[in-house]
Amino acid sequence: MKLPPGASTFYKCVGADGAASTVGAGTQGLTIGGTGSWGSWSGDGHYNIANSTDDFCYDDVNNILTVRGTVFVDGPLHIVDSIKYNGNGTIVANGDITIEQDLKPNTADTESDATHVLGLVTPNNIICNAGTSNNKAPTDPPNVMGAYFAGKD
């Protein structure tokens, strides 16, 4: 299996092997989007069962992220492409989390669909640059959907 850039030998951890950095001081970041695919999913030649995937993988061709369970990134997380996500999971980053474009479930454009849920957690900042305007009608779908928690402003 191809691992995310900078992945350690520990399961679902991006960063150096061993103890994690102090809170907010991690230096092993992860960029999702534009850096190639990693992990495996049905359709990439690794799984014969439909809809089977690794529990942490990214299809850079179709911009689909799968997160099941908790993933730890010992540094900043940078999401650079418009991405749709599968699964119910959380990415905990030990640095800033930056979202450059849309980040939504792979099933719908409404906030009422909870088939796929993504949590983002950091002791630092979450910076969201998605969307072109804050002037959306209440009936328009959001650009970013999930549960996000930041320790700073």
C-alpha atoms as a PDB file:
ATOM      1  CA  MET A   1       0.000   0.000   0.000  1.00  0.00           C
ATOM      2  CA  LYS A   2       1.235   3.489  -0.811  1.00  0.00           C
ATOM      3  CA  LEU A   3       1.244   5.672   2.321  1.00  0.00           C
ATOM      4  CA  PRO A   4       0.589   9.426   2.536  1.00  0.00           C
ATOM      5  CA  PRO A   5       3.668  11.622   2.135  1.00  0.00           C
ATOM      6  CA  GLY A   6       5.617  11.743   5.409  1.00  0.00           C
ATOM      7  CA  ALA A   7       3.768   8.799   6.975  1.00  0.00           C
ATOM      8  CA  SER A   8       5.404   6.994   9.871  1.00  0.00           C
ATOM      9  CA  THR A   9       5.325   3.242  10.398  1.00  0.00           C
ATOM     10  CA  PHE A  10       2.640   3.784  13.040  1.00  0.00           C
ATOM     11  CA  TYR A  11      -0.889   3.164  11.848  1.00  0.00           C
ATOM     12  CA  LYS A  12      -2.667   6.253  10.509  1.00  0.00           C
ATOM     13  CA  CYS A  13      -0.014   8.695  11.674  1.00  0.00           C
ATOM     14  CA  VAL A  14       1.800  11.252   9.530  1.00  0.00           C
ATOM     15  CA  GLY A  15       5.020  12.272  11.219  1.00  0.00           C
ATOM     16  CA  ALA A  16       8.260  10.859  12.515  1.00  0.00           C
ATOM     17  CA  ASP A  17       8.277   7.519  14.340  1.00  0.00           C
ATOM     18  CA  GLY A  18       8.208   7.898  18.105  1.00  0.00           C
ATOM     19  CA  ALA A  19       6.624  10.479  20.355  1.00  0.00           C
ATOM     20  CA  ALA A  20       4.593  13.307  18.866  1.00  0.00           C
ATOM     21  CA  SER A  21       5.807  16.889  18.997  1.00  0.00           C
ATOM     22  CA  THR A  22       4.623  19.210  21.748  1.00  0.00           C
ATOM     23  CA  VAL A  23       1.174  20.735  21.261  1.00  0.00           C
ATOM     24  CA  GLY A  24       1.089  22.936  18.164  1.00  0.00           C
ATOM     25  CA  ALA A  25       4.753  22.317  17.301  1.00  0.00           C
ATOM     26  CA  GLY A  26       4.596  19.452  14.806  1.00  0.00           C
ATOM     27  CA  THR A  27       6.663  19.775  11.635  1.00  0.00           C
ATOM     28  CA  GLN A  28       5.602  16.726   9.576  1.00  0.00           C
ATOM     29  CA  GLY A  29       2.714  18.220   7.615  1.00  0.00           C
ATOM     30  CA  LEU A  30       0.361  16.649   5.103  1.00  0.00           C
ATOM     31  CA  THR A  31      -0.913  18.249   1.887  1.00  0.00           C
ATOM     32  CA  ILE A  32      -4.011  16.634   0.407  1.00  0.00           C
ATOM     33  CA  GLY A  33      -4.619  17.396  -3.254  1.00  0.00           C
ATOM     34  CA  GLY A  34      -2.232  17.838  -6.149  1.00  0.00           C
ATOM     35  CA  THR A  35       0.478  15.624  -4.636  1.00  0.00           C
ATOM     36  CA  GLY A  36      -0.659  12.240  -5.976  1.00  0.00           C
ATOM     37  CA  SER A  37      -2.882   9.428  -4.807  1.00  0.00           C
ATOM     38  CA  TRP A  38      -2.131   7.209  -1.809  1.00  0.00           C
ATOM     39  CA  GLY A  39      -3.792   4.222  -0.203  1.00  0.00           C
ATOM     40  CA  SER A  40      -6.151   1.902  -2.106  1.00  0.00           C
ATOM     41  CA  TRP A  41      -9.817   1.798  -3.129  1.00  0.00           C
ATOM     42  CA  SER A  42     -12.038  -0.266  -5.425  1.00  0.00           C
ATOM     43  CA  GLY A  43     -11.342   0.722  -9.005  1.00  0.00           C
ATOM     44  CA  ASP A  44      -7.592   1.274  -8.568  1.00  0.00           C
ATOM     45  CA  GLY A  45      -6.774  -2.403  -9.090  1.00  0.00           C
ATOM     46  CA  HIS A  46      -6.225  -3.358  -5.441  1.00  0.00           C
ATOM     47  CA  TYR A  47      -9.706  -4.298  -4.265  1.00  0.00           C
ATOM     48  CA  ASN A  48     -12.043  -6.774  -5.974  1.00  0.00           C
ATOM     49  CA  ILE A  49     -15.019  -5.988  -3.741  1.00  0.00           C
ATOM     50  CA  ALA A  50     -17.102  -2.979  -4.800  1.00  0.00           C
ATOM     51  CA  ASN A  51     -16.860   0.069  -2.546  1.00  0.00           C
ATOM     52  CA  SER A  52     -13.916  -1.377  -0.572  1.00  0.00           C
ATOM     53  CA  THR A  53     -11.187   1.056   0.458  1.00  0.00           C
ATOM     54  CA  ASP A  54      -8.363   1.511   2.888  1.00  0.00           C
ATOM     55  CA  ASP A  55      -9.600   3.457   5.901  1.00  0.00           C
ATOM     56  CA  PHE A  56      -7.301   6.382   5.030  1.00  0.00           C
ATOM     57  CA  CYS A  57      -6.708   6.998   1.336  1.00  0.00           C
ATOM     58  CA  TYR A  58      -6.872   9.696  -1.300  1.00  0.00           C
ATOM     59  CA  ASP A  59      -7.769   9.423  -4.998  1.00  0.00           C
ATOM     60  CA  ASP A  60      -6.042  12.476  -6.509  1.00  0.00           C
ATOM     61  CA  VAL A  61      -7.603  11.868  -9.941  1.00  0.00           C
ATOM     62  CA  ASN A  62     -11.194  12.159  -8.668  1.00  0.00           C
ATOM     63  CA  ASN A  63     -10.363  14.234  -5.541  1.00  0.00           C
ATOM     64  CA  ILE A  64     -11.978  11.765  -3.137  1.00  0.00           C
ATOM     65  CA  LEU A  65     -10.641  11.432   0.417  1.00  0.00           C
ATOM     66  CA  THR A  66     -11.600   8.468   2.614  1.00  0.00           C
ATOM     67  CA  VAL A  67     -11.206   8.756   6.380  1.00  0.00           C
ATOM     68  CA  ARG A  68     -12.469   6.078   8.759  1.00  0.00           C
ATOM     69  CA  GLY A  69     -11.393   6.347  12.386  1.00  0.00           C
ATOM     70  CA  THR A  70      -8.840   8.838  13.673  1.00  0.00           C
ATOM     71  CA  VAL A  71      -5.745  10.000  11.790  1.00  0.00           C
ATOM     72  CA  PHE A  72      -2.982  12.013  13.477  1.00  0.00           C
ATOM     73  CA  VAL A  73      -0.867  14.504  11.522  1.00  0.00           C
ATOM     74  CA  ASP A  74       2.148  15.730  13.510  1.00  0.00           C
ATOM     75  CA  GLY A  75       2.206  19.107  11.789  1.00  0.00           C
ATOM     76  CA  PRO A  76      -0.035  21.301   9.615  1.00  0.00           C
ATOM     77  CA  LEU A  77      -2.754  19.942   7.325  1.00  0.00           C
ATOM     78  CA  HIS A  78      -3.241  21.711   3.984  1.00  0.00           C
ATOM     79  CA  ILE A  79      -6.237  20.785   1.797  1.00  0.00           C
ATOM     80  CA  VAL A  80      -5.614  22.399  -1.579  1.00  0.00           C
ATOM     81  CA  ASP A  81      -8.203  20.953  -4.022  1.00  0.00           C
ATOM     82  CA  SER A  82     -11.995  20.776  -3.999  1.00  0.00           C
ATOM     83  CA  ILE A  83     -12.454  17.444  -2.271  1.00  0.00           C
ATOM     84  CA  LYS A  84     -15.363  15.138  -1.555  1.00  0.00           C
ATOM     85  CA  TYR A  85     -14.908  12.768   1.380  1.00  0.00           C
ATOM     86  CA  ASN A  86     -16.149   9.295   2.285  1.00  0.00           C
ATOM     87  CA  GLY A  87     -16.389   7.653   5.688  1.00  0.00           C
ATOM     88  CA  ASN A  88     -16.862   8.776   9.243  1.00  0.00           C
ATOM     89  CA  GLY A  89     -13.570   9.887  10.693  1.00  0.00           C
ATOM     90  CA  THR A  90     -11.445  12.629  12.165  1.00  0.00           C
ATOM     91  CA  ILE A  91      -8.094  14.138  11.249  1.00  0.00           C
ATOM     92  CA  VAL A  92      -6.250  15.554  14.258  1.00  0.00           C
ATOM     93  CA  ALA A  93      -3.430  17.900  13.208  1.00  0.00           C
ATOM     94  CA  ASN A  94      -0.675  19.254  15.443  1.00  0.00           C
ATOM     95  CA  GLY A  95      -0.499  22.475  13.423  1.00  0.00           C
ATOM     96  CA  ASP A  96      -2.756  24.818  11.471  1.00  0.00           C
ATOM     97  CA  ILE A  97      -5.415  23.325   9.204  1.00  0.00           C
ATOM     98  CA  THR A  98      -5.937  25.239   5.948  1.00  0.00           C
ATOM     99  CA  ILE A  99      -8.836  24.538   3.563  1.00  0.00           C
ATOM    100  CA  GLU A 100      -8.333  26.219   0.176  1.00  0.00           C
ATOM    101  CA  GLN A 101     -11.402  24.983  -1.727  1.00  0.00           C
ATOM    102  CA  ASP A 102     -14.638  23.037  -1.245  1.00  0.00           C
ATOM    103  CA  LEU A 103     -14.649  20.176   1.274  1.00  0.00           C
ATOM    104  CA  LYS A 104     -17.939  18.262   1.259  1.00  0.00           C
ATOM    105  CA  PRO A 105     -19.371  14.753   1.687  1.00  0.00           C
ATOM    106  CA  ASN A 106     -19.305  12.569  -1.414  1.00  0.00           C
ATOM    107  CA  THR A 107     -23.063  11.982  -1.303  1.00  0.00           C
ATOM    108  CA  ALA A 108     -24.914  15.270  -1.427  1.00  0.00           C
ATOM    109  CA  ASP A 109     -24.773  19.052  -1.484  1.00  0.00           C
ATOM    110  CA  THR A 110     -27.034  19.520   1.511  1.00  0.00           C
ATOM    111  CA  GLU A 111     -26.186  19.756   5.162  1.00  0.00           C
ATOM    112  CA  SER A 112     -28.957  17.258   5.988  1.00  0.00           C
ATOM    113  CA  ASP A 113     -27.007  14.240   4.653  1.00  0.00           C
ATOM    114  CA  ALA A 114     -24.953  12.563   7.397  1.00  0.00           C
ATOM    115  CA  THR A 115     -23.845   9.451   5.464  1.00  0.00           C
ATOM    116  CA  HIS A 116     -20.261  10.726   5.456  1.00  0.00           C
ATOM    117  CA  VAL A 117     -18.926  12.960   8.244  1.00  0.00           C
ATOM    118  CA  LEU A 118     -15.435  14.441   8.609  1.00  0.00           C
ATOM    119  CA  GLY A 119     -14.035  16.004  11.758  1.00  0.00           C
ATOM    120  CA  LEU A 120     -10.985  18.275  11.775  1.00  0.00           C
ATOM    121  CA  VAL A 121      -9.294  19.031  15.104  1.00  0.00           C
ATOM    122  CA  THR A 122      -6.240  21.171  15.911  1.00  0.00           C
ATOM    123  CA  PRO A 123      -4.814  23.003  18.929  1.00  0.00           C
ATOM    124  CA  ASN A 124      -3.925  25.788  16.460  1.00  0.00           C
ATOM    125  CA  ASN A 125      -5.954  27.610  13.772  1.00  0.00           C
ATOM    126  CA  ILE A 126      -8.361  26.474  11.086  1.00  0.00           C
ATOM    127  CA  ILE A 127      -8.105  28.765   8.069  1.00  0.00           C
ATOM    128  CA  CYS A 128     -10.860  28.420   5.481  1.00  0.00           C
ATOM    129  CA  ASN A 129     -10.334  30.084   2.103  1.00  0.00           C
ATOM    130  CA  ALA A 130     -13.087  28.088   0.350  1.00  0.00           C
ATOM    131  CA  GLY A 131     -15.851  29.773  -1.596  1.00  0.00           C
ATOM    132  CA  THR A 132     -15.876  32.997  -3.528  1.00  0.00           C
ATOM    133  CA  SER A 133     -18.385  34.935  -1.479  1.00  0.00           C
ATOM    134  CA  ASN A 134     -20.014  35.087   1.919  1.00  0.00           C
ATOM    135  CA  ASN A 135     -23.253  36.157   0.226  1.00  0.00           C
ATOM    136  CA  LYS A 136     -25.012  32.813  -0.166  1.00  0.00           C
ATOM    137  CA  ALA A 137     -28.730  32.283  -0.084  1.00  0.00           C
ATOM    138  CA  PRO A 138     -29.880  30.127   2.851  1.00  0.00           C
ATOM    139  CA  THR A 139     -30.948  27.459   0.357  1.00  0.00           C
ATOM    140  CA  ASP A 140     -27.530  27.288  -1.377  1.00  0.00           C
ATOM    141  CA  PRO A 141     -25.307  24.353  -0.420  1.00  0.00           C
ATOM    142  CA  PRO A 142     -22.303  25.245   1.739  1.00  0.00           C
ATOM    143  CA  ASN A 143     -18.741  25.117   0.386  1.00  0.00           C
ATOM    144  CA  VAL A 144     -17.370  23.352   3.460  1.00  0.00           C
ATOM    145  CA  MET A 145     -19.170  20.760   5.581  1.00  0.00           C
ATOM    146  CA  GLY A 146     -18.040  18.837   8.664  1.00  0.00           C
ATOM    147  CA  ALA A 147     -17.299  19.215  12.368  1.00  0.00           C
ATOM    148  CA  TYR A 148     -14.296  21.456  13.017  1.00  0.00           C
ATOM    149  CA  PHE A 149     -12.593  22.320  16.312  1.00  0.00           C
ATOM    150  CA  ALA A 150      -9.664  24.727  16.756  1.00  0.00           C
ATOM    151  CA  GLY A 151      -7.796  25.721  19.913  1.00  0.00           C
ATOM    152  CA  LYS A 152      -6.985  29.227  18.694  1.00  0.00           C
ATOM    153  CA  ASP A 153      -8.917  32.029  16.988  1.00  0.00           C
END
